[in-house]
Amino acid sequence: MLVWLVLLFIAVPLIELFVIVETARSIGTLETIGLLILVSVVGAWMVRAQGLAVLWRVRGKLHEGQMPGRELVDGALVLLAGALMLTPGFVTDAFGLLLLFPPTRMAIRPVLIRRFRHRVAYFGPGEPGPGTVHDTDLANGE
């Protein structure tokens, strides 16, 4: 877990800065800023479109009386894509854009579903995980 935090908070910003600086050297500073803004605008539009599409699929499954498992995973991936698109830089934008394309999500979805199944099997259905606040704790003022 510590390795992931180091990557997230140190390595990713350094990589982003390097890519931005090198891009600015290649095409110019104003062009780089314009490209960053363009990618963000296109990404925001795609997040909105894909998020609404996922929402309609979730509503359709619920209307049919089915659990929208795959659709919820897609929604989480679109949410992650939106967070990546909010992070300034080309590398995180590229990963965010990849997550917005349905074929990419279809490739990633089985991995996440297997991981979620493992966690559900570990904690058991309906059982709280470690560190969960119980209703009795809240009633006792803890």
C-alpha atoms as a PDB file:
ATOM      1  CA  MET A   1       0.000   0.000   0.000  1.00  0.00           C
ATOM      2  CA  LEU A   2       2.840   2.380   0.834  1.00  0.00           C
ATOM      3  CA  VAL A   3       4.372   1.839  -2.607  1.00  0.00           C
ATOM      4  CA  TRP A   4       1.104   2.903  -4.250  1.00  0.00           C
ATOM      5  CA  LEU A   5       0.972   6.065  -2.162  1.00  0.00           C
ATOM      6  CA  VAL A   6       4.562   6.936  -3.083  1.00  0.00           C
ATOM      7  CA  LEU A   7       3.734   6.409  -6.760  1.00  0.00           C
ATOM      8  CA  LEU A   8       0.550   8.403  -6.487  1.00  0.00           C
ATOM      9  CA  PHE A   9       1.886  11.425  -4.663  1.00  0.00           C
ATOM     10  CA  ILE A  10       5.500  11.617  -5.847  1.00  0.00           C
ATOM     11  CA  ALA A  11       6.109   9.718  -9.070  1.00  0.00           C
ATOM     12  CA  VAL A  12       2.943  10.680 -10.971  1.00  0.00           C
ATOM     13  CA  PRO A  13       3.351  14.470 -10.500  1.00  0.00           C
ATOM     14  CA  LEU A  14       7.032  14.245 -11.462  1.00  0.00           C
ATOM     15  CA  ILE A  15       6.181  12.281 -14.603  1.00  0.00           C
ATOM     16  CA  GLU A  16       3.428  14.752 -15.444  1.00  0.00           C
ATOM     17  CA  LEU A  17       5.767  17.735 -15.016  1.00  0.00           C
ATOM     18  CA  PHE A  18       8.403  16.084 -17.181  1.00  0.00           C
ATOM     19  CA  VAL A  19       5.910  15.344 -19.977  1.00  0.00           C
ATOM     20  CA  ILE A  20       4.442  18.869 -19.829  1.00  0.00           C
ATOM     21  CA  VAL A  21       7.882  20.512 -19.934  1.00  0.00           C
ATOM     22  CA  GLU A  22       9.035  18.320 -22.815  1.00  0.00           C
ATOM     23  CA  THR A  23       5.823  18.992 -24.714  1.00  0.00           C
ATOM     24  CA  ALA A  24       6.248  22.725 -24.169  1.00  0.00           C
ATOM     25  CA  ARG A  25       9.808  22.491 -25.482  1.00  0.00           C
ATOM     26  CA  SER A  26       8.594  20.655 -28.582  1.00  0.00           C
ATOM     27  CA  ILE A  27       5.488  22.601 -29.545  1.00  0.00           C
ATOM     28  CA  GLY A  28       5.631  25.748 -27.420  1.00  0.00           C
ATOM     29  CA  THR A  29       4.261  26.884 -24.089  1.00  0.00           C
ATOM     30  CA  LEU A  30       0.982  28.412 -25.283  1.00  0.00           C
ATOM     31  CA  GLU A  31       0.281  25.431 -27.511  1.00  0.00           C
ATOM     32  CA  THR A  32       0.894  23.063 -24.600  1.00  0.00           C
ATOM     33  CA  ILE A  33      -1.478  25.026 -22.363  1.00  0.00           C
ATOM     34  CA  GLY A  34      -4.065  25.059 -25.148  1.00  0.00           C
ATOM     35  CA  LEU A  35      -3.686  21.322 -25.652  1.00  0.00           C
ATOM     36  CA  LEU A  36      -4.119  20.695 -21.923  1.00  0.00           C
ATOM     37  CA  ILE A  37      -7.297  22.797 -21.927  1.00  0.00           C
ATOM     38  CA  LEU A  38      -8.611  21.075 -25.071  1.00  0.00           C
ATOM     39  CA  VAL A  39      -8.023  17.605 -23.639  1.00  0.00           C
ATOM     40  CA  SER A  40      -9.757  18.635 -20.412  1.00  0.00           C
ATOM     41  CA  VAL A  41     -12.802  20.016 -22.242  1.00  0.00           C
ATOM     42  CA  VAL A  42     -13.106  16.961 -24.488  1.00  0.00           C
ATOM     43  CA  GLY A  43     -12.584  14.710 -21.466  1.00  0.00           C
ATOM     44  CA  ALA A  44     -15.274  16.486 -19.450  1.00  0.00           C
ATOM     45  CA  TRP A  45     -17.714  16.131 -22.350  1.00  0.00           C
ATOM     46  CA  MET A  46     -16.879  12.415 -22.658  1.00  0.00           C
ATOM     47  CA  VAL A  47     -17.201  11.853 -18.893  1.00  0.00           C
ATOM     48  CA  ARG A  48     -20.641  13.438 -18.992  1.00  0.00           C
ATOM     49  CA  ALA A  49     -21.758  11.418 -22.021  1.00  0.00           C
ATOM     50  CA  GLN A  50     -20.422   8.100 -20.740  1.00  0.00           C
ATOM     51  CA  GLY A  51     -21.683   8.769 -17.212  1.00  0.00           C
ATOM     52  CA  LEU A  52     -25.197   9.404 -18.504  1.00  0.00           C
ATOM     53  CA  ALA A  53     -25.023   6.269 -20.667  1.00  0.00           C
ATOM     54  CA  VAL A  54     -23.996   4.180 -17.652  1.00  0.00           C
ATOM     55  CA  LEU A  55     -26.727   5.785 -15.553  1.00  0.00           C
ATOM     56  CA  TRP A  56     -29.367   4.848 -18.147  1.00  0.00           C
ATOM     57  CA  ARG A  57     -28.078   1.251 -18.219  1.00  0.00           C
ATOM     58  CA  VAL A  58     -28.238   1.082 -14.408  1.00  0.00           C
ATOM     59  CA  ARG A  59     -31.797   2.430 -14.445  1.00  0.00           C
ATOM     60  CA  GLY A  60     -32.757  -0.064 -17.149  1.00  0.00           C
ATOM     61  CA  LYS A  61     -31.410  -3.022 -15.150  1.00  0.00           C
ATOM     62  CA  LEU A  62     -33.149  -1.819 -11.995  1.00  0.00           C
ATOM     63  CA  HIS A  63     -36.384  -1.363 -13.937  1.00  0.00           C
ATOM     64  CA  GLU A  64     -36.053  -4.990 -15.096  1.00  0.00           C
ATOM     65  CA  GLY A  65     -35.597  -6.062 -11.483  1.00  0.00           C
ATOM     66  CA  GLN A  66     -31.948  -7.075 -12.005  1.00  0.00           C
ATOM     67  CA  MET A  67     -28.852  -6.105 -10.078  1.00  0.00           C
ATOM     68  CA  PRO A  68     -26.726  -3.754 -12.242  1.00  0.00           C
ATOM     69  CA  GLY A  69     -23.339  -5.266 -11.289  1.00  0.00           C
ATOM     70  CA  ARG A  70     -21.437  -4.651 -14.513  1.00  0.00           C
ATOM     71  CA  GLU A  71     -23.024  -1.255 -14.894  1.00  0.00           C
ATOM     72  CA  LEU A  72     -21.932  -0.227 -11.390  1.00  0.00           C
ATOM     73  CA  VAL A  73     -18.353  -1.250 -12.186  1.00  0.00           C
ATOM     74  CA  ASP A  74     -18.576   0.804 -15.392  1.00  0.00           C
ATOM     75  CA  GLY A  75     -19.854   3.728 -13.336  1.00  0.00           C
ATOM     76  CA  ALA A  76     -16.902   3.433 -10.968  1.00  0.00           C
ATOM     77  CA  LEU A  77     -14.511   3.376 -13.930  1.00  0.00           C
ATOM     78  CA  VAL A  78     -16.151   6.460 -15.453  1.00  0.00           C
ATOM     79  CA  LEU A  79     -15.861   8.183 -12.070  1.00  0.00           C
ATOM     80  CA  LEU A  80     -12.166   7.257 -11.921  1.00  0.00           C
ATOM     81  CA  ALA A  81     -11.764   8.562 -15.477  1.00  0.00           C
ATOM     82  CA  GLY A  82     -13.315  11.867 -14.407  1.00  0.00           C
ATOM     83  CA  ALA A  83     -10.922  12.141 -11.471  1.00  0.00           C
ATOM     84  CA  LEU A  84      -7.977  11.439 -13.762  1.00  0.00           C
ATOM     85  CA  MET A  85      -9.211  14.053 -16.216  1.00  0.00           C
ATOM     86  CA  LEU A  86      -9.347  16.639 -13.404  1.00  0.00           C
ATOM     87  CA  THR A  87      -5.691  16.001 -12.621  1.00  0.00           C
ATOM     88  CA  PRO A  88      -3.593  18.343 -14.762  1.00  0.00           C
ATOM     89  CA  GLY A  89      -1.248  16.562 -17.134  1.00  0.00           C
ATOM     90  CA  PHE A  90      -1.098  14.462 -20.252  1.00  0.00           C
ATOM     91  CA  VAL A  91      -0.376  11.058 -18.683  1.00  0.00           C
ATOM     92  CA  THR A  92      -3.356  11.030 -16.313  1.00  0.00           C
ATOM     93  CA  ASP A  93      -5.549  12.464 -19.090  1.00  0.00           C
ATOM     94  CA  ALA A  94      -4.478   9.616 -21.371  1.00  0.00           C
ATOM     95  CA  PHE A  95      -5.428   7.008 -18.762  1.00  0.00           C
ATOM     96  CA  GLY A  96      -8.679   8.843 -18.082  1.00  0.00           C
ATOM     97  CA  LEU A  97      -9.553   8.952 -21.777  1.00  0.00           C
ATOM     98  CA  LEU A  98      -8.785   5.253 -22.111  1.00  0.00           C
ATOM     99  CA  LEU A  99     -11.238   4.484 -19.311  1.00  0.00           C
ATOM    100  CA  LEU A 100     -13.937   6.453 -21.101  1.00  0.00           C
ATOM    101  CA  PHE A 101     -13.952   4.126 -24.111  1.00  0.00           C
ATOM    102  CA  PRO A 102     -16.360   1.195 -23.575  1.00  0.00           C
ATOM    103  CA  PRO A 103     -13.994  -1.423 -25.100  1.00  0.00           C
ATOM    104  CA  THR A 104     -11.282  -0.458 -22.605  1.00  0.00           C
ATOM    105  CA  ARG A 105     -13.735  -0.684 -19.723  1.00  0.00           C
ATOM    106  CA  MET A 106     -14.862  -4.097 -21.008  1.00  0.00           C
ATOM    107  CA  ALA A 107     -11.248  -5.276 -20.799  1.00  0.00           C
ATOM    108  CA  ILE A 108     -10.727  -3.921 -17.265  1.00  0.00           C
ATOM    109  CA  ARG A 109     -14.144  -4.887 -15.850  1.00  0.00           C
ATOM    110  CA  PRO A 110     -13.443  -8.639 -15.333  1.00  0.00           C
ATOM    111  CA  VAL A 111     -10.315  -7.863 -13.308  1.00  0.00           C
ATOM    112  CA  LEU A 112     -12.255  -5.538 -11.007  1.00  0.00           C
ATOM    113  CA  ILE A 113     -15.167  -7.958 -10.683  1.00  0.00           C
ATOM    114  CA  ARG A 114     -12.766 -10.751  -9.642  1.00  0.00           C
ATOM    115  CA  ARG A 115     -11.208  -8.407  -7.095  1.00  0.00           C
ATOM    116  CA  PHE A 116     -14.619  -7.379  -5.717  1.00  0.00           C
ATOM    117  CA  ARG A 117     -15.703 -11.029  -5.500  1.00  0.00           C
ATOM    118  CA  HIS A 118     -12.573 -11.804  -3.498  1.00  0.00           C
ATOM    119  CA  ARG A 119     -13.358  -9.001  -1.065  1.00  0.00           C
ATOM    120  CA  VAL A 120     -17.002 -10.034  -0.730  1.00  0.00           C
ATOM    121  CA  ALA A 121     -15.891 -13.616  -0.065  1.00  0.00           C
ATOM    122  CA  TYR A 122     -13.393 -12.341   2.534  1.00  0.00           C
ATOM    123  CA  PHE A 123     -15.822 -10.151   4.451  1.00  0.00           C
ATOM    124  CA  GLY A 124     -18.961 -12.126   3.673  1.00  0.00           C
ATOM    125  CA  PRO A 125     -22.160 -10.658   2.336  1.00  0.00           C
ATOM    126  CA  GLY A 126     -23.513  -7.967   4.607  1.00  0.00           C
ATOM    127  CA  GLU A 127     -20.675  -8.195   7.107  1.00  0.00           C
ATOM    128  CA  PRO A 128     -18.859  -4.959   7.891  1.00  0.00           C
ATOM    129  CA  GLY A 129     -15.176  -4.633   7.147  1.00  0.00           C
ATOM    130  CA  PRO A 130     -12.510  -3.721   9.680  1.00  0.00           C
ATOM    131  CA  GLY A 131     -12.876  -0.279  11.181  1.00  0.00           C
ATOM    132  CA  THR A 132     -16.581  -0.053  10.361  1.00  0.00           C
ATOM    133  CA  VAL A 133     -18.705   1.983  12.736  1.00  0.00           C
ATOM    134  CA  HIS A 134     -21.706  -0.047  13.906  1.00  0.00           C
ATOM    135  CA  ASP A 135     -25.153   1.320  14.703  1.00  0.00           C
ATOM    136  CA  THR A 136     -24.652   0.284  18.334  1.00  0.00           C
ATOM    137  CA  ASP A 137     -21.455   2.382  18.457  1.00  0.00           C
ATOM    138  CA  LEU A 138     -23.400   5.411  17.265  1.00  0.00           C
ATOM    139  CA  ALA A 139     -26.171   4.800  19.819  1.00  0.00           C
ATOM    140  CA  ASN A 140     -23.589   4.627  22.616  1.00  0.00           C
ATOM    141  CA  GLY A 141     -22.021   7.905  21.466  1.00  0.00           C
ATOM    142  CA  GLU A 142     -18.730   6.331  20.393  1.00  0.00           C
END
